Amino acid sequence: MPCRQLAPVLGEIAREEAGRLKVVQVDVDRNPETTVAYGVLSTPTLMAFRDGEPVWQVVGARAKRKLVGELEGAGVL
């Protein structure tokens, strides 16, 4: 359920930050090797990558304002 609640927030951020940020979704049930590779233990897990390497990670749904603030604080936006 939290993943579904987060989807519209991520969609808005993806549209607003299209020139700086690409948002993708991974189905953890269909991609277990990816979840293991990045140590994903619960969902939703949000990760930001730079040059193919993870630079930020958080678990759990967030309000848009809080999520954008966290991304800015981490230097992702």
N, C-alpha and C. Protein backbone atom coordinates (compact mmCIF):
# COMPACT_ATOMS: atom_id res chain seq x y z
N MET A 1 0.80 -1.20 0.00
CA MET A 1 0.00 0.00 0.00
C MET A 1 0.85 1.27 0.00
N PRO A 2 1.92 1.37 0.80
CA PRO A 2 2.73 2.59 0.76
C PRO A 2 3.31 2.86 -0.63
N CYS A 3 3.63 1.80 -1.37
CA CYS A 3 4.17 2.00 -2.71
C CYS A 3 3.14 2.69 -3.61
N ARG A 4 1.90 2.26 -3.49
CA ARG A 4 0.85 2.87 -4.30
C ARG A 4 0.57 4.31 -3.89
N GLN A 5 0.70 4.61 -2.61
CA GLN A 5 0.52 5.97 -2.13
C GLN A 5 1.63 6.87 -2.63
N LEU A 6 2.81 6.32 -2.77
CA LEU A 6 3.98 7.10 -3.18
C LEU A 6 4.02 7.34 -4.68
N ALA A 7 3.38 6.51 -5.47
CA ALA A 7 3.44 6.60 -6.93
C ALA A 7 3.06 7.97 -7.47
N PRO A 8 1.95 8.60 -7.04
CA PRO A 8 1.62 9.92 -7.57
C PRO A 8 2.65 10.99 -7.19
N VAL A 9 3.22 10.88 -6.00
CA VAL A 9 4.24 11.84 -5.56
C VAL A 9 5.48 11.71 -6.45
N LEU A 10 5.90 10.49 -6.69
CA LEU A 10 7.07 10.29 -7.55
C LEU A 10 6.79 10.73 -8.99
N GLY A 11 5.56 10.54 -9.45
CA GLY A 11 5.18 11.00 -10.79
C GLY A 11 5.29 12.50 -10.91
N GLU A 12 4.83 13.22 -9.90
CA GLU A 12 4.94 14.69 -9.91
C GLU A 12 6.39 15.12 -9.92
N ILE A 13 7.19 14.52 -9.05
CA ILE A 13 8.61 14.88 -8.98
C ILE A 13 9.30 14.57 -10.31
N ALA A 14 8.97 13.43 -10.91
CA ALA A 14 9.57 13.06 -12.20
C ALA A 14 9.25 14.09 -13.27
N ARG A 15 8.01 14.58 -13.30
CA ARG A 15 7.65 15.60 -14.29
C ARG A 15 8.34 16.93 -14.01
N GLU A 16 8.35 17.33 -12.76
CA GLU A 16 8.92 18.63 -12.39
C GLU A 16 10.44 18.67 -12.53
N GLU A 17 11.09 17.55 -12.32
CA GLU A 17 12.56 17.50 -12.34
C GLU A 17 13.09 16.70 -13.53
N ALA A 18 12.33 16.62 -14.60
CA ALA A 18 12.68 15.77 -15.74
C ALA A 18 14.07 16.05 -16.30
N GLY A 19 14.52 17.28 -16.24
CA GLY A 19 15.84 17.60 -16.77
C GLY A 19 16.99 17.21 -15.84
N ARG A 20 16.68 16.96 -14.57
CA ARG A 20 17.73 16.66 -13.60
C ARG A 20 17.64 15.28 -12.97
N LEU A 21 16.48 14.66 -13.09
CA LEU A 21 16.23 13.43 -12.36
C LEU A 21 15.39 12.48 -13.19
N LYS A 22 15.74 11.22 -13.21
CA LYS A 22 14.94 10.20 -13.88
C LYS A 22 14.40 9.26 -12.81
N VAL A 23 13.10 9.07 -12.79
CA VAL A 23 12.46 8.20 -11.80
C VAL A 23 12.09 6.89 -12.49
N VAL A 24 12.50 5.78 -11.89
CA VAL A 24 12.14 4.46 -12.40
C VAL A 24 11.61 3.62 -11.24
N GLN A 25 10.81 2.65 -11.57
CA GLN A 25 10.23 1.75 -10.57
C GLN A 25 10.67 0.33 -10.88
N VAL A 26 11.05 -0.40 -9.84
CA VAL A 26 11.46 -1.79 -10.00
C VAL A 26 10.50 -2.66 -9.21
N ASP A 27 9.96 -3.68 -9.85
CA ASP A 27 9.09 -4.64 -9.19
C ASP A 27 9.99 -5.63 -8.44
N VAL A 28 10.00 -5.55 -7.13
CA VAL A 28 10.90 -6.39 -6.33
C VAL A 28 10.56 -7.88 -6.44
N ASP A 29 9.32 -8.20 -6.70
CA ASP A 29 8.94 -9.60 -6.84
C ASP A 29 9.48 -10.20 -8.14
N ARG A 30 9.58 -9.39 -9.16
CA ARG A 30 10.07 -9.88 -10.45
C ARG A 30 11.57 -9.67 -10.64
N ASN A 31 12.20 -8.94 -9.72
CA ASN A 31 13.64 -8.65 -9.82
C ASN A 31 14.35 -8.90 -8.50
N PRO A 32 14.29 -10.13 -7.98
CA PRO A 32 14.90 -10.39 -6.67
C PRO A 32 16.41 -10.17 -6.66
N GLU A 33 17.06 -10.37 -7.79
CA GLU A 33 18.53 -10.18 -7.83
C GLU A 33 18.89 -8.71 -7.60
N THR A 34 18.05 -7.81 -8.07
CA THR A 34 18.30 -6.37 -7.87
C THR A 34 18.12 -6.01 -6.41
N THR A 35 17.09 -6.54 -5.76
CA THR A 35 16.87 -6.24 -4.35
C THR A 35 18.01 -6.75 -3.49
N VAL A 36 18.52 -7.92 -3.82
CA VAL A 36 19.66 -8.48 -3.08
C VAL A 36 20.91 -7.63 -3.32
N ALA A 37 21.15 -7.26 -4.56
CA ALA A 37 22.35 -6.50 -4.90
C ALA A 37 22.43 -5.17 -4.16
N TYR A 38 21.27 -4.54 -3.91
CA TYR A 38 21.26 -3.24 -3.25
C TYR A 38 20.77 -3.30 -1.80
N GLY A 39 20.61 -4.50 -1.27
CA GLY A 39 20.26 -4.65 0.13
C GLY A 39 18.88 -4.14 0.50
N VAL A 40 17.94 -4.25 -0.42
CA VAL A 40 16.57 -3.79 -0.16
C VAL A 40 15.87 -4.85 0.68
N LEU A 41 15.46 -4.45 1.89
CA LEU A 41 14.82 -5.38 2.81
C LEU A 41 13.33 -5.11 3.00
N SER A 42 12.89 -3.90 2.68
CA SER A 42 11.47 -3.58 2.78
C SER A 42 11.11 -2.54 1.72
N THR A 43 9.81 -2.43 1.49
CA THR A 43 9.33 -1.50 0.47
C THR A 43 8.35 -0.52 1.09
N PRO A 44 8.29 0.66 0.54
CA PRO A 44 9.08 1.16 -0.57
C PRO A 44 10.47 1.61 -0.11
N THR A 45 11.45 1.26 -0.89
CA THR A 45 12.81 1.76 -0.71
C THR A 45 13.10 2.68 -1.88
N LEU A 46 13.50 3.89 -1.57
CA LEU A 46 13.85 4.87 -2.61
C LEU A 46 15.35 5.01 -2.63
N MET A 47 15.92 5.00 -3.82
CA MET A 47 17.36 5.15 -3.97
C MET A 47 17.65 6.16 -5.07
N ALA A 48 18.72 6.90 -4.89
CA ALA A 48 19.20 7.81 -5.93
C ALA A 48 20.60 7.35 -6.32
N PHE A 49 20.86 7.39 -7.61
CA PHE A 49 22.14 6.95 -8.15
C PHE A 49 22.82 8.10 -8.88
N ARG A 50 24.13 8.11 -8.80
CA ARG A 50 24.93 9.05 -9.58
C ARG A 50 26.07 8.25 -10.18
N ASP A 51 26.22 8.34 -11.48
CA ASP A 51 27.24 7.57 -12.21
C ASP A 51 27.15 6.07 -11.92
N GLY A 52 25.91 5.58 -11.79
CA GLY A 52 25.68 4.16 -11.60
C GLY A 52 25.85 3.66 -10.17
N GLU A 53 26.18 4.54 -9.25
CA GLU A 53 26.38 4.15 -7.86
C GLU A 53 25.34 4.79 -6.97
N PRO A 54 24.81 4.04 -5.97
CA PRO A 54 23.84 4.63 -5.06
C PRO A 54 24.48 5.72 -4.19
N VAL A 55 23.80 6.86 -4.10
CA VAL A 55 24.31 7.98 -3.30
C VAL A 55 23.33 8.38 -2.20
N TRP A 56 22.12 7.81 -2.23
CA TRP A 56 21.09 8.16 -1.25
C TRP A 56 20.08 7.04 -1.20
N GLN A 57 19.59 6.74 0.01
CA GLN A 57 18.59 5.69 0.16
C GLN A 57 17.72 6.00 1.37
N VAL A 58 16.44 5.73 1.23
CA VAL A 58 15.49 5.91 2.34
C VAL A 58 14.40 4.87 2.19
N VAL A 59 13.86 4.43 3.32
CA VAL A 59 12.79 3.44 3.32
C VAL A 59 11.52 4.10 3.84
N GLY A 60 10.42 3.87 3.14
CA GLY A 60 9.12 4.37 3.59
C GLY A 60 8.60 5.49 2.73
N ALA A 61 7.29 5.62 2.76
CA ALA A 61 6.62 6.68 1.99
C ALA A 61 6.88 8.03 2.63
N ARG A 62 6.89 9.06 1.82
CA ARG A 62 7.12 10.43 2.26
C ARG A 62 6.14 11.35 1.55
N ALA A 63 5.81 12.44 2.21
CA ALA A 63 5.07 13.51 1.55
C ALA A 63 6.01 14.16 0.54
N LYS A 64 5.44 14.74 -0.49
CA LYS A 64 6.25 15.33 -1.56
C LYS A 64 7.24 16.37 -1.02
N ARG A 65 6.78 17.27 -0.19
CA ARG A 65 7.66 18.33 0.31
C ARG A 65 8.84 17.74 1.08
N LYS A 66 8.58 16.75 1.91
CA LYS A 66 9.65 16.13 2.69
C LYS A 66 10.62 15.38 1.78
N LEU A 67 10.09 14.66 0.82
CA LEU A 67 10.94 13.90 -0.10
C LEU A 67 11.83 14.83 -0.92
N VAL A 68 11.27 15.90 -1.45
CA VAL A 68 12.07 16.87 -2.21
C VAL A 68 13.14 17.48 -1.31
N GLY A 69 12.78 17.81 -0.08
CA GLY A 69 13.76 18.37 0.86
C GLY A 69 14.89 17.41 1.13
N GLU A 70 14.58 16.13 1.30
CA GLU A 70 15.62 15.13 1.53
C GLU A 70 16.52 14.97 0.31
N LEU A 71 15.93 14.97 -0.88
CA LEU A 71 16.73 14.87 -2.10
C LEU A 71 17.64 16.09 -2.26
N GLU A 72 17.13 17.27 -1.94
CA GLU A 72 17.96 18.47 -2.01
C GLU A 72 19.07 18.43 -0.97
N GLY A 73 18.74 17.99 0.24
CA GLY A 73 19.73 17.90 1.30
C GLY A 73 20.84 16.92 0.99
N ALA A 74 20.53 15.88 0.23
CA ALA A 74 21.52 14.89 -0.14
C ALA A 74 22.29 15.28 -1.40
N GLY A 75 21.94 16.42 -1.98
CA GLY A 75 22.63 16.88 -3.19
C GLY A 75 22.17 16.20 -4.45
N VAL A 76 21.04 15.50 -4.38
CA VAL A 76 20.52 14.82 -5.56
C VAL A 76 19.80 15.80 -6.47
N LEU A 77 19.12 16.76 -5.88
CA LEU A 77 18.45 17.83 -6.66
C LEU A 77 19.15 19.13 -6.45
